[in-house]
Amino acid sequence: MLAAWPAASEPSAPKPDAPVARFASGESISESDLEAWIKNDLYDEAMRNRNDAERHGLRAEAARRLMMERLLEREEKRRGLDTAALLDELGRRAPKVEESEVKAAYEANRDRFGGRSWEEMAPGIRAELERERRNETVRAELDAMLANAGYRLLLEPPRAKLSRDGASLGAEDAPVTLVQFTDYECPYCRRAEPVVARLRERYGERLRLVVRHLPLEIHRHARPAALAAACARRQGRFFEYHAALFENPRALALPDLEARAVALGLDMNAFRGCLSAKETAKEIDADLEEAERLGVTGTPAFFVNGILLAGQQPFESFTAVIDAELARKQASR
């Protein structure tokens, strides 16, 4: 039986007057404020059939939007502008779309244009790029306004209970454990690897990394690759083999898997025997079963001290959660 992480206490129902977000000035919104703001049919539909992590994400975004409304109301009074004018002003800060960017977008999507020329498509492409850039700029400016106001989300995220099994780097008693469910044929998993490396570099001994396998059925070579990685782990070379698999995810046939093992100097008789061993298959199946129990159906998926971050995430999404966890651990001492 796999040992479980220490069970987190079940969260009690939030009190109506409990604060869910606040500014540094002390201004805050309560649980009842949030519920009153989001209670409508569209929200009810969005929340239906969602797991705890997804519901938390929707509530967190709703809290952010409500606090942003409060902040914009304050700015309206201070500057004598309505919200539409404020947003238009922020959008005008967007960097100019260069001709080279329009041409690059045209070339990247030429096959979708049905033979239409550059002259025909350029105005529409430019308009779309300008719209995207404006939206990105407005979002970034609003985020900066929230940060300057000392915005802080107080909603406690749900925490999953995970087994301790898996290849790991870092001390068992590290204050933060990052569990990664991965698939060696998944392009998003490959793109996540440099982010994970940056996290390990930034947090050092404060972060423990655990890798679990979630080979998806749509990827023909993902399970054999996971088996091979498990066999490399038996010989103490998991993370070297793990990195080698992601270097060329198109080369995952059996000869490719064996070639990597040879390059790492693994005992090939032991490696080949391990690939077909029932114990190795059971190890992968245990990871699949845990992923199913946790409601994880896609890769990559990450858990930071049990808090789910699903899909490919930017570095900043991880650091926000990890920094909050480190602060929570420090405060509890």
C-alpha atoms as a PDB file:
ATOM      1  CA  MET A   1       0.000   0.000   0.000  1.00  0.00           C
ATOM      2  CA  LEU A   2       1.261   3.466  -0.877  1.00  0.00           C
ATOM      3  CA  ALA A   3       1.704   5.866   1.995  1.00  0.00           C
ATOM      4  CA  ALA A   4      -0.469   8.946   1.724  1.00  0.00           C
ATOM      5  CA  TRP A   5       0.421  12.559   2.309  1.00  0.00           C
ATOM      6  CA  PRO A   6      -0.756  13.729   5.720  1.00  0.00           C
ATOM      7  CA  ALA A   7      -4.478  14.289   5.422  1.00  0.00           C
ATOM      8  CA  ALA A   8      -5.554  17.882   5.217  1.00  0.00           C
ATOM      9  CA  SER A   9      -8.439  18.819   7.438  1.00  0.00           C
ATOM     10  CA  GLU A  10     -11.751  19.107   5.617  1.00  0.00           C
ATOM     11  CA  PRO A  11     -12.576  22.782   5.080  1.00  0.00           C
ATOM     12  CA  SER A  12     -15.628  23.990   6.950  1.00  0.00           C
ATOM     13  CA  ALA A  13     -18.356  25.948   5.184  1.00  0.00           C
ATOM     14  CA  PRO A  14     -17.202  29.573   4.800  1.00  0.00           C
ATOM     15  CA  LYS A  15     -18.931  32.151   6.989  1.00  0.00           C
ATOM     16  CA  PRO A  16     -20.925  34.814   5.086  1.00  0.00           C
ATOM     17  CA  ASP A  17     -18.810  37.635   6.549  1.00  0.00           C
ATOM     18  CA  ALA A  18     -15.469  35.873   6.012  1.00  0.00           C
ATOM     19  CA  PRO A  19     -13.174  37.992   3.780  1.00  0.00           C
ATOM     20  CA  VAL A  20     -12.258  36.363   0.465  1.00  0.00           C
ATOM     21  CA  ALA A  21     -10.043  39.128  -0.988  1.00  0.00           C
ATOM     22  CA  ARG A  22      -8.642  42.455   0.183  1.00  0.00           C
ATOM     23  CA  PHE A  23      -6.490  45.424  -0.753  1.00  0.00           C
ATOM     24  CA  ALA A  24      -3.580  46.710   1.304  1.00  0.00           C
ATOM     25  CA  SER A  25      -5.792  49.637   2.354  1.00  0.00           C
ATOM     26  CA  GLY A  26      -7.981  47.180   4.257  1.00  0.00           C
ATOM     27  CA  GLU A  27     -10.895  47.314   1.809  1.00  0.00           C
ATOM     28  CA  SER A  28     -12.198  43.795   1.287  1.00  0.00           C
ATOM     29  CA  ILE A  29     -15.036  41.689  -0.059  1.00  0.00           C
ATOM     30  CA  SER A  30     -16.769  38.994   1.968  1.00  0.00           C
ATOM     31  CA  GLU A  31     -18.085  35.564   1.092  1.00  0.00           C
ATOM     32  CA  SER A  32     -21.604  36.989   0.872  1.00  0.00           C
ATOM     33  CA  ASP A  33     -20.390  39.834  -1.411  1.00  0.00           C
ATOM     34  CA  LEU A  34     -18.833  37.289  -3.755  1.00  0.00           C
ATOM     35  CA  GLU A  35     -21.878  35.017  -3.776  1.00  0.00           C
ATOM     36  CA  ALA A  36     -24.225  37.940  -4.454  1.00  0.00           C
ATOM     37  CA  TRP A  37     -22.041  39.131  -7.347  1.00  0.00           C
ATOM     38  CA  ILE A  38     -21.692  35.764  -9.082  1.00  0.00           C
ATOM     39  CA  LYS A  39     -25.085  34.220  -8.360  1.00  0.00           C
ATOM     40  CA  ASN A  40     -26.757  33.845 -11.742  1.00  0.00           C
ATOM     41  CA  ASP A  41     -27.759  31.118 -14.185  1.00  0.00           C
ATOM     42  CA  LEU A  42     -24.579  31.394 -16.246  1.00  0.00           C
ATOM     43  CA  TYR A  43     -22.423  30.954 -13.161  1.00  0.00           C
ATOM     44  CA  ASP A  44     -24.521  28.008 -11.969  1.00  0.00           C
ATOM     45  CA  GLU A  45     -24.072  26.372 -15.372  1.00  0.00           C
ATOM     46  CA  ALA A  46     -20.317  27.024 -15.340  1.00  0.00           C
ATOM     47  CA  MET A  47     -19.991  25.416 -11.901  1.00  0.00           C
ATOM     48  CA  ARG A  48     -21.993  22.315 -12.776  1.00  0.00           C
ATOM     49  CA  ASN A  49     -19.988  19.081 -12.994  1.00  0.00           C
ATOM     50  CA  ARG A  50     -16.758  20.849 -11.968  1.00  0.00           C
ATOM     51  CA  ASN A  51     -14.255  19.402  -9.539  1.00  0.00           C
ATOM     52  CA  ASP A  52     -13.098  21.267  -6.438  1.00  0.00           C
ATOM     53  CA  ALA A  53     -10.037  22.750  -8.136  1.00  0.00           C
ATOM     54  CA  GLU A  54     -12.057  24.037 -11.101  1.00  0.00           C
ATOM     55  CA  ARG A  55     -14.698  25.542  -8.806  1.00  0.00           C
ATOM     56  CA  HIS A  56     -11.962  27.255  -6.820  1.00  0.00           C
ATOM     57  CA  GLY A  57     -10.494  28.673 -10.035  1.00  0.00           C
ATOM     58  CA  LEU A  58     -13.858  30.102 -11.097  1.00  0.00           C
ATOM     59  CA  ARG A  59     -14.429  31.648  -7.669  1.00  0.00           C
ATOM     60  CA  ALA A  60     -10.899  33.089  -7.600  1.00  0.00           C
ATOM     61  CA  GLU A  61     -11.416  34.717 -11.003  1.00  0.00           C
ATOM     62  CA  ALA A  62     -14.792  36.056  -9.866  1.00  0.00           C
ATOM     63  CA  ALA A  63     -13.178  37.580  -6.753  1.00  0.00           C
ATOM     64  CA  ARG A  64     -10.509  39.183  -8.918  1.00  0.00           C
ATOM     65  CA  ARG A  65     -13.114  40.700 -11.245  1.00  0.00           C
ATOM     66  CA  LEU A  66     -15.221  42.016  -8.372  1.00  0.00           C
ATOM     67  CA  MET A  67     -12.195  43.647  -6.743  1.00  0.00           C
ATOM     68  CA  MET A  68     -11.218  45.080 -10.123  1.00  0.00           C
ATOM     69  CA  GLU A  69     -14.677  46.628 -10.397  1.00  0.00           C
ATOM     70  CA  ARG A  70     -14.141  48.253  -7.000  1.00  0.00           C
ATOM     71  CA  LEU A  71     -10.749  49.543  -8.113  1.00  0.00           C
ATOM     72  CA  LEU A  72     -12.120  50.945 -11.383  1.00  0.00           C
ATOM     73  CA  GLU A  73     -14.935  52.681  -9.502  1.00  0.00           C
ATOM     74  CA  ARG A  74     -12.294  54.331  -7.338  1.00  0.00           C
ATOM     75  CA  GLU A  75     -10.342  55.403 -10.452  1.00  0.00           C
ATOM     76  CA  GLU A  76     -13.505  56.777 -12.075  1.00  0.00           C
ATOM     77  CA  LYS A  77     -14.103  59.068  -9.114  1.00  0.00           C
ATOM     78  CA  ARG A  78     -10.455  60.097  -8.893  1.00  0.00           C
ATOM     79  CA  ARG A  79      -9.999  60.888 -12.578  1.00  0.00           C
ATOM     80  CA  GLY A  80     -13.508  61.754 -13.709  1.00  0.00           C
ATOM     81  CA  LEU A  81     -13.545  59.071 -16.418  1.00  0.00           C
ATOM     82  CA  ASP A  82     -16.000  56.235 -16.916  1.00  0.00           C
ATOM     83  CA  THR A  83     -14.827  52.615 -17.145  1.00  0.00           C
ATOM     84  CA  ALA A  84     -15.020  52.468 -20.947  1.00  0.00           C
ATOM     85  CA  ALA A  85     -12.770  55.519 -21.252  1.00  0.00           C
ATOM     86  CA  LEU A  86     -10.305  54.092 -18.714  1.00  0.00           C
ATOM     87  CA  LEU A  87     -10.071  50.777 -20.567  1.00  0.00           C
ATOM     88  CA  ASP A  88      -9.650  52.580 -23.877  1.00  0.00           C
ATOM     89  CA  GLU A  89      -6.785  54.586 -22.393  1.00  0.00           C
ATOM     90  CA  LEU A  90      -5.097  51.398 -21.166  1.00  0.00           C
ATOM     91  CA  GLY A  91      -5.559  49.732 -24.552  1.00  0.00           C
ATOM     92  CA  ARG A  92      -3.789  52.595 -26.314  1.00  0.00           C
ATOM     93  CA  ARG A  93      -0.634  51.629 -24.408  1.00  0.00           C
ATOM     94  CA  ALA A  94      -0.370  48.434 -26.470  1.00  0.00           C
ATOM     95  CA  PRO A  95       2.853  48.145 -28.512  1.00  0.00           C
ATOM     96  CA  LYS A  96       2.478  48.728 -32.238  1.00  0.00           C
ATOM     97  CA  VAL A  97       1.992  45.681 -34.461  1.00  0.00           C
ATOM     98  CA  GLU A  98       4.910  45.653 -36.897  1.00  0.00           C
ATOM     99  CA  GLU A  99       4.628  44.736 -40.567  1.00  0.00           C
ATOM    100  CA  SER A 100       7.022  41.838 -39.982  1.00  0.00           C
ATOM    101  CA  GLU A 101       4.624  40.363 -37.413  1.00  0.00           C
ATOM    102  CA  VAL A 102       1.713  40.541 -39.852  1.00  0.00           C
ATOM    103  CA  LYS A 103       3.809  38.809 -42.525  1.00  0.00           C
ATOM    104  CA  ALA A 104       4.925  36.120 -40.084  1.00  0.00           C
ATOM    105  CA  ALA A 105       1.301  35.426 -39.110  1.00  0.00           C
ATOM    106  CA  TYR A 106       0.335  35.239 -42.787  1.00  0.00           C
ATOM    107  CA  GLU A 107       3.103  32.751 -43.569  1.00  0.00           C
ATOM    108  CA  ALA A 108       2.321  30.621 -40.512  1.00  0.00           C
ATOM    109  CA  ASN A 109      -1.348  30.350 -41.524  1.00  0.00           C
ATOM    110  CA  ARG A 110      -1.067  30.446 -45.322  1.00  0.00           C
ATOM    111  CA  ASP A 111      -2.605  26.968 -45.708  1.00  0.00           C
ATOM    112  CA  ARG A 112      -5.800  28.152 -44.007  1.00  0.00           C
ATOM    113  CA  PHE A 113      -6.373  31.090 -46.347  1.00  0.00           C
ATOM    114  CA  GLY A 114      -7.513  29.120 -49.395  1.00  0.00           C
ATOM    115  CA  GLY A 115      -5.002  30.683 -51.752  1.00  0.00           C
ATOM    116  CA  ARG A 116      -5.943  34.263 -50.898  1.00  0.00           C
ATOM    117  CA  SER A 117      -3.097  36.714 -51.355  1.00  0.00           C
ATOM    118  CA  TRP A 118      -1.099  38.692 -48.827  1.00  0.00           C
ATOM    119  CA  GLU A 119      -2.811  41.885 -49.987  1.00  0.00           C
ATOM    120  CA  GLU A 120      -6.251  40.380 -49.314  1.00  0.00           C
ATOM    121  CA  MET A 121      -5.431  38.967 -45.898  1.00  0.00           C
ATOM    122  CA  ALA A 122      -3.067  41.564 -44.404  1.00  0.00           C
ATOM    123  CA  PRO A 123      -5.705  44.068 -43.154  1.00  0.00           C
ATOM    124  CA  GLY A 124      -7.683  41.377 -41.324  1.00  0.00           C
ATOM    125  CA  ILE A 125      -4.550  39.809 -39.847  1.00  0.00           C
ATOM    126  CA  ARG A 126      -3.339  43.188 -38.609  1.00  0.00           C
ATOM    127  CA  ALA A 127      -6.726  43.960 -37.046  1.00  0.00           C
ATOM    128  CA  GLU A 128      -6.752  40.615 -35.233  1.00  0.00           C
ATOM    129  CA  LEU A 129      -3.184  41.046 -33.955  1.00  0.00           C
ATOM    130  CA  GLU A 130      -3.991  44.563 -32.772  1.00  0.00           C
ATOM    131  CA  ARG A 131      -7.105  43.300 -30.967  1.00  0.00           C
ATOM    132  CA  GLU A 132      -5.114  40.529 -29.259  1.00  0.00           C
ATOM    133  CA  ARG A 133      -2.342  42.921 -28.274  1.00  0.00           C
ATOM    134  CA  ARG A 134      -4.808  45.447 -26.918  1.00  0.00           C
ATOM    135  CA  ASN A 135      -6.550  42.791 -24.803  1.00  0.00           C
ATOM    136  CA  GLU A 136      -3.214  41.495 -23.494  1.00  0.00           C
ATOM    137  CA  THR A 137      -2.108  45.022 -22.614  1.00  0.00           C
ATOM    138  CA  VAL A 138      -5.366  45.874 -20.848  1.00  0.00           C
ATOM    139  CA  ARG A 139      -5.171  42.656 -18.827  1.00  0.00           C
ATOM    140  CA  ALA A 140      -1.537  43.339 -17.886  1.00  0.00           C
ATOM    141  CA  GLU A 141      -2.312  46.945 -16.900  1.00  0.00           C
ATOM    142  CA  LEU A 142      -5.281  45.843 -14.779  1.00  0.00           C
ATOM    143  CA  ASP A 143      -3.140  43.187 -13.102  1.00  0.00           C
ATOM    144  CA  ALA A 144      -0.539  45.864 -12.356  1.00  0.00           C
ATOM    145  CA  MET A 145      -3.227  48.097 -10.849  1.00  0.00           C
ATOM    146  CA  LEU A 146      -4.368  45.235  -8.612  1.00  0.00           C
ATOM    147  CA  ALA A 147      -0.782  44.514  -7.575  1.00  0.00           C
ATOM    148  CA  ASN A 148      -0.144  48.187  -6.779  1.00  0.00           C
ATOM    149  CA  ALA A 149      -3.271  48.202  -4.631  1.00  0.00           C
ATOM    150  CA  GLY A 150      -1.928  45.221  -2.696  1.00  0.00           C
ATOM    151  CA  TYR A 151      -4.601  42.811  -3.946  1.00  0.00           C
ATOM    152  CA  ARG A 152      -4.598  39.538  -2.044  1.00  0.00           C
ATOM    153  CA  LEU A 153      -6.850  36.521  -2.587  1.00  0.00           C
ATOM    154  CA  LEU A 154      -7.833  34.900   0.703  1.00  0.00           C
ATOM    155  CA  LEU A 155      -9.767  31.906  -0.634  1.00  0.00           C
ATOM    156  CA  GLU A 156      -8.188  28.687   0.615  1.00  0.00           C
ATOM    157  CA  PRO A 157      -7.576  26.382  -2.379  1.00  0.00           C
ATOM    158  CA  PRO A 158      -8.638  22.724  -2.238  1.00  0.00           C
ATOM    159  CA  ARG A 159      -5.816  20.284  -1.553  1.00  0.00           C
ATOM    160  CA  ALA A 160      -5.650  16.782  -2.982  1.00  0.00           C
ATOM    161  CA  LYS A 161      -4.132  13.899  -1.050  1.00  0.00           C
ATOM    162  CA  LEU A 162      -1.435  12.184  -3.118  1.00  0.00           C
ATOM    163  CA  SER A 163       0.645   9.088  -2.534  1.00  0.00           C
ATOM    164  CA  ARG A 164       4.359   9.490  -1.870  1.00  0.00           C
ATOM    165  CA  ASP A 165       5.420   7.248  -4.739  1.00  0.00           C
ATOM    166  CA  GLY A 166       7.322   8.502  -7.777  1.00  0.00           C
ATOM    167  CA  ALA A 167      10.819   9.443  -8.859  1.00  0.00           C
ATOM    168  CA  SER A 168      11.892  12.447  -6.826  1.00  0.00           C
ATOM    169  CA  LEU A 169      14.511  15.152  -6.440  1.00  0.00           C
ATOM    170  CA  GLY A 170      14.888  17.057  -3.194  1.00  0.00           C
ATOM    171  CA  ALA A 171      14.455  16.403   0.493  1.00  0.00           C
ATOM    172  CA  GLU A 172      11.363  14.587   1.750  1.00  0.00           C
ATOM    173  CA  ASP A 173      10.853  17.315   4.347  1.00  0.00           C
ATOM    174  CA  ALA A 174      11.045  20.210   1.863  1.00  0.00           C
ATOM    175  CA  PRO A 175       8.310  22.768   2.623  1.00  0.00           C
ATOM    176  CA  VAL A 176       6.897  22.517  -0.903  1.00  0.00           C
ATOM    177  CA  THR A 177       6.364  19.380  -2.970  1.00  0.00           C
ATOM    178  CA  LEU A 178       5.653  19.688  -6.694  1.00  0.00           C
ATOM    179  CA  VAL A 179       4.069  16.540  -8.154  1.00  0.00           C
ATOM    180  CA  GLN A 180       4.122  16.370 -11.943  1.00  0.00           C
ATOM    181  CA  PHE A 181       1.965  13.996 -14.025  1.00  0.00           C
ATOM    182  CA  THR A 182       3.542  13.667 -17.452  1.00  0.00           C
ATOM    183  CA  ASP A 183       3.325  11.925 -20.842  1.00  0.00           C
ATOM    184  CA  TYR A 184       6.482  11.590 -22.935  1.00  0.00           C
ATOM    185  CA  GLU A 185       4.611  12.033 -26.217  1.00  0.00           C
ATOM    186  CA  CYS A 186       2.775  15.159 -25.038  1.00  0.00           C
ATOM    187  CA  PRO A 187       4.139  18.398 -26.586  1.00  0.00           C
ATOM    188  CA  TYR A 188       2.840  20.484 -23.689  1.00  0.00           C
ATOM    189  CA  CYS A 189       4.704  18.276 -21.220  1.00  0.00           C
ATOM    190  CA  ARG A 190       7.899  18.863 -23.151  1.00  0.00           C
ATOM    191  CA  ARG A 191       7.354  22.635 -23.050  1.00  0.00           C
ATOM    192  CA  ALA A 192       6.789  22.439 -19.294  1.00  0.00           C
ATOM    193  CA  GLU A 193      10.234  20.936 -18.637  1.00  0.00           C
ATOM    194  CA  PRO A 194      12.190  24.233 -18.826  1.00  0.00           C
ATOM    195  CA  VAL A 195       9.656  25.792 -16.440  1.00  0.00           C
ATOM    196  CA  VAL A 196      10.176  22.970 -13.936  1.00  0.00           C
ATOM    197  CA  ALA A 197      13.949  23.393 -14.275  1.00  0.00           C
ATOM    198  CA  ARG A 198      13.630  27.125 -13.532  1.00  0.00           C
ATOM    199  CA  LEU A 199      11.529  26.365 -10.462  1.00  0.00           C
ATOM    200  CA  ARG A 200      14.142  23.953  -9.119  1.00  0.00           C
ATOM    201  CA  GLU A 201      16.851  26.538  -9.715  1.00  0.00           C
ATOM    202  CA  ARG A 202      14.862  29.285  -8.007  1.00  0.00           C
ATOM    203  CA  TYR A 203      13.722  27.387  -4.918  1.00  0.00           C
ATOM    204  CA  GLY A 204      16.569  24.927  -4.427  1.00  0.00           C
ATOM    205  CA  GLU A 205      16.216  22.850  -1.254  1.00  0.00           C
ATOM    206  CA  ARG A 206      12.815  24.367  -0.490  1.00  0.00           C
ATOM    207  CA  LEU A 207      11.232  22.430  -3.373  1.00  0.00           C
ATOM    208  CA  ARG A 208      10.865  18.677  -3.823  1.00  0.00           C
ATOM    209  CA  LEU A 209       9.941  17.406  -7.305  1.00  0.00           C
ATOM    210  CA  VAL A 210       8.039  14.145  -7.789  1.00  0.00           C
ATOM    211  CA  VAL A 211       7.351  12.783 -11.286  1.00  0.00           C
ATOM    212  CA  ARG A 212       4.367  10.510 -11.945  1.00  0.00           C
ATOM    213  CA  HIS A 213       3.307   8.866 -15.204  1.00  0.00           C
ATOM    214  CA  LEU A 214       0.096   9.576 -17.105  1.00  0.00           C
ATOM    215  CA  PRO A 215       0.542   8.069 -20.589  1.00  0.00           C
ATOM    216  CA  LEU A 216      -2.554   9.029 -22.571  1.00  0.00           C
ATOM    217  CA  GLU A 217      -4.259   6.453 -24.789  1.00  0.00           C
ATOM    218  CA  ILE A 218      -4.079   8.789 -27.789  1.00  0.00           C
ATOM    219  CA  HIS A 219      -0.268   8.575 -27.670  1.00  0.00           C
ATOM    220  CA  ARG A 220       0.843   5.185 -28.978  1.00  0.00           C
ATOM    221  CA  HIS A 221       4.387   5.315 -27.605  1.00  0.00           C
ATOM    222  CA  ALA A 222       3.672   7.066 -24.296  1.00  0.00           C
ATOM    223  CA  ARG A 223       3.180   3.935 -22.182  1.00  0.00           C
ATOM    224  CA  PRO A 224       6.304   2.117 -23.472  1.00  0.00           C
ATOM    225  CA  ALA A 225       8.280   5.302 -22.796  1.00  0.00           C
ATOM    226  CA  ALA A 226       6.872   5.478 -19.260  1.00  0.00           C
ATOM    227  CA  LEU A 227       7.830   1.832 -18.691  1.00  0.00           C
ATOM    228  CA  ALA A 228      11.346   2.565 -19.935  1.00  0.00           C
ATOM    229  CA  ALA A 229      11.656   5.572 -17.618  1.00  0.00           C
ATOM    230  CA  ALA A 230      10.512   3.404 -14.698  1.00  0.00           C
ATOM    231  CA  CYS A 231      13.206   0.875 -15.611  1.00  0.00           C
ATOM    232  CA  ALA A 232      15.849   3.607 -15.728  1.00  0.00           C
ATOM    233  CA  ARG A 233      14.690   4.580 -12.248  1.00  0.00           C
ATOM    234  CA  ARG A 234      15.413   1.016 -11.069  1.00  0.00           C
ATOM    235  CA  GLN A 235      19.040   1.667 -12.020  1.00  0.00           C
ATOM    236  CA  GLY A 236      19.185   5.126 -10.455  1.00  0.00           C
ATOM    237  CA  ARG A 237      19.131   7.069 -13.730  1.00  0.00           C
ATOM    238  CA  PHE A 238      15.519   8.194 -13.966  1.00  0.00           C
ATOM    239  CA  PHE A 239      15.998  11.919 -14.420  1.00  0.00           C
ATOM    240  CA  GLU A 240      18.742  11.536 -17.026  1.00  0.00           C
ATOM    241  CA  TYR A 241      16.505   9.150 -18.987  1.00  0.00           C
ATOM    242  CA  HIS A 242      13.474  11.394 -18.457  1.00  0.00           C
ATOM    243  CA  ALA A 243      15.375  14.325 -19.997  1.00  0.00           C
ATOM    244  CA  ALA A 244      16.598  12.167 -22.885  1.00  0.00           C
ATOM    245  CA  LEU A 245      13.029  11.130 -23.738  1.00  0.00           C
ATOM    246  CA  PHE A 246      11.910  14.740 -24.036  1.00  0.00           C
ATOM    247  CA  GLU A 247      14.905  15.672 -26.194  1.00  0.00           C
ATOM    248  CA  ASN A 248      13.321  13.818 -29.124  1.00  0.00           C
ATOM    249  CA  PRO A 249       9.700  12.795 -28.427  1.00  0.00           C
ATOM    250  CA  ARG A 250       9.314  11.536 -32.007  1.00  0.00           C
ATOM    251  CA  ALA A 251      11.828   8.749 -31.333  1.00  0.00           C
ATOM    252  CA  LEU A 252      10.003   6.557 -28.819  1.00  0.00           C
ATOM    253  CA  ALA A 253       9.936   3.172 -30.543  1.00  0.00           C
ATOM    254  CA  LEU A 254      11.578   0.256 -28.707  1.00  0.00           C
ATOM    255  CA  PRO A 255      14.957   0.599 -30.512  1.00  0.00           C
ATOM    256  CA  ASP A 256      14.994   4.298 -29.553  1.00  0.00           C
ATOM    257  CA  LEU A 257      14.215   3.494 -25.927  1.00  0.00           C
ATOM    258  CA  GLU A 258      17.003   0.920 -25.831  1.00  0.00           C
ATOM    259  CA  ALA A 259      19.453   3.291 -27.539  1.00  0.00           C
ATOM    260  CA  ARG A 260      18.931   5.839 -24.787  1.00  0.00           C
ATOM    261  CA  ALA A 261      19.532   3.159 -22.155  1.00  0.00           C
ATOM    262  CA  VAL A 262      22.781   2.165 -23.864  1.00  0.00           C
ATOM    263  CA  ALA A 263      23.886   5.812 -24.038  1.00  0.00           C
ATOM    264  CA  LEU A 264      23.378   6.111 -20.277  1.00  0.00           C
ATOM    265  CA  GLY A 265      25.343   2.939 -19.620  1.00  0.00           C
ATOM    266  CA  LEU A 266      22.427   0.989 -18.158  1.00  0.00           C
ATOM    267  CA  ASP A 267      22.585  -2.777 -17.633  1.00  0.00           C
ATOM    268  CA  MET A 268      20.713  -3.815 -20.781  1.00  0.00           C
ATOM    269  CA  ASN A 269      19.754  -7.306 -19.615  1.00  0.00           C
ATOM    270  CA  ALA A 270      18.157  -5.804 -16.513  1.00  0.00           C
ATOM    271  CA  PHE A 271      16.581  -3.024 -18.572  1.00  0.00           C
ATOM    272  CA  ARG A 272      14.982  -5.394 -21.094  1.00  0.00           C
ATOM    273  CA  GLY A 273      13.730  -7.689 -18.368  1.00  0.00           C
ATOM    274  CA  CYS A 274      12.252  -4.748 -16.505  1.00  0.00           C
ATOM    275  CA  LEU A 275      10.324  -3.539 -19.571  1.00  0.00           C
ATOM    276  CA  SER A 276       8.226  -6.707 -19.644  1.00  0.00           C
ATOM    277  CA  ALA A 277       7.979  -7.227 -15.871  1.00  0.00           C
ATOM    278  CA  LYS A 278       4.530  -7.173 -14.270  1.00  0.00           C
ATOM    279  CA  GLU A 279       5.843  -5.016 -11.426  1.00  0.00           C
ATOM    280  CA  THR A 280       6.779  -2.253 -13.871  1.00  0.00           C
ATOM    281  CA  ALA A 281       3.338  -2.314 -15.471  1.00  0.00           C
ATOM    282  CA  LYS A 282       1.765  -2.148 -12.007  1.00  0.00           C
ATOM    283  CA  GLU A 283       3.823   0.954 -11.217  1.00  0.00           C
ATOM    284  CA  ILE A 284       2.472   2.782 -14.266  1.00  0.00           C
ATOM    285  CA  ASP A 285      -1.059   1.530 -13.585  1.00  0.00           C
ATOM    286  CA  ALA A 286      -0.858   2.855 -10.013  1.00  0.00           C
ATOM    287  CA  ASP A 287      -0.058   6.316 -11.365  1.00  0.00           C
ATOM    288  CA  LEU A 288      -2.950   6.083 -13.834  1.00  0.00           C
ATOM    289  CA  GLU A 289      -5.333   5.043 -11.065  1.00  0.00           C
ATOM    290  CA  GLU A 290      -4.232   7.904  -8.850  1.00  0.00           C
ATOM    291  CA  ALA A 291      -4.662  10.388 -11.696  1.00  0.00           C
ATOM    292  CA  GLU A 292      -8.191   9.072 -12.262  1.00  0.00           C
ATOM    293  CA  ARG A 293      -8.984   9.363  -8.545  1.00  0.00           C
ATOM    294  CA  LEU A 294      -7.766  12.962  -8.588  1.00  0.00           C
ATOM    295  CA  GLY A 295      -9.843  13.810 -11.655  1.00  0.00           C
ATOM    296  CA  VAL A 296      -6.774  14.413 -13.816  1.00  0.00           C
ATOM    297  CA  THR A 297      -7.477  13.501 -17.440  1.00  0.00           C
ATOM    298  CA  GLY A 298      -4.874  15.512 -19.354  1.00  0.00           C
ATOM    299  CA  THR A 299      -1.195  16.318 -19.257  1.00  0.00           C
ATOM    300  CA  PRO A 300       0.752  17.975 -17.919  1.00  0.00           C
ATOM    301  CA  ALA A 301      -0.864  18.262 -14.499  1.00  0.00           C
ATOM    302  CA  PHE A 302       0.879  19.601 -11.410  1.00  0.00           C
ATOM    303  CA  PHE A 303       0.099  19.617  -7.701  1.00  0.00           C
ATOM    304  CA  VAL A 304       1.830  22.129  -5.428  1.00  0.00           C
ATOM    305  CA  ASN A 305       1.370  20.787  -1.897  1.00  0.00           C
ATOM    306  CA  GLY A 306      -1.816  19.224  -3.223  1.00  0.00           C
ATOM    307  CA  ILE A 307      -3.051  22.352  -5.057  1.00  0.00           C
ATOM    308  CA  LEU A 308      -3.827  21.528  -8.690  1.00  0.00           C
ATOM    309  CA  LEU A 309      -2.334  23.493 -11.580  1.00  0.00           C
ATOM    310  CA  ALA A 310      -3.710  21.828 -14.703  1.00  0.00           C
ATOM    311  CA  GLY A 311      -2.179  22.102 -18.159  1.00  0.00           C
ATOM    312  CA  GLN A 312       0.823  24.010 -19.402  1.00  0.00           C
ATOM    313  CA  GLN A 313       1.369  26.899 -16.989  1.00  0.00           C
ATOM    314  CA  PRO A 314       3.644  29.945 -17.117  1.00  0.00           C
ATOM    315  CA  PHE A 315       6.472  30.216 -14.607  1.00  0.00           C
ATOM    316  CA  GLU A 316       4.616  32.978 -12.755  1.00  0.00           C
ATOM    317  CA  SER A 317       1.587  30.754 -12.060  1.00  0.00           C
ATOM    318  CA  PHE A 318       3.835  28.329 -10.198  1.00  0.00           C
ATOM    319  CA  THR A 319       5.762  30.976  -8.296  1.00  0.00           C
ATOM    320  CA  ALA A 320       2.541  32.614  -7.093  1.00  0.00           C
ATOM    321  CA  VAL A 321       1.342  29.351  -5.535  1.00  0.00           C
ATOM    322  CA  ILE A 322       4.770  28.273  -4.251  1.00  0.00           C
ATOM    323  CA  ASP A 323       5.481  31.656  -2.661  1.00  0.00           C
ATOM    324  CA  ALA A 324       2.069  31.559  -0.970  1.00  0.00           C
ATOM    325  CA  GLU A 325       2.804  28.061   0.338  1.00  0.00           C
ATOM    326  CA  LEU A 326       6.198  29.105   1.685  1.00  0.00           C
ATOM    327  CA  ALA A 327       4.609  32.094   3.415  1.00  0.00           C
ATOM    328  CA  ARG A 328       1.892  29.868   4.877  1.00  0.00           C
ATOM    329  CA  LYS A 329       4.474  27.413   6.202  1.00  0.00           C
ATOM    330  CA  GLN A 330       6.522  30.256   7.698  1.00  0.00           C
ATOM    331  CA  ALA A 331       3.459  31.757   9.387  1.00  0.00           C
ATOM    332  CA  SER A 332       2.519  28.410  10.934  1.00  0.00           C
ATOM    333  CA  ARG A 333       5.879  28.043  12.734  1.00  0.00           C
END
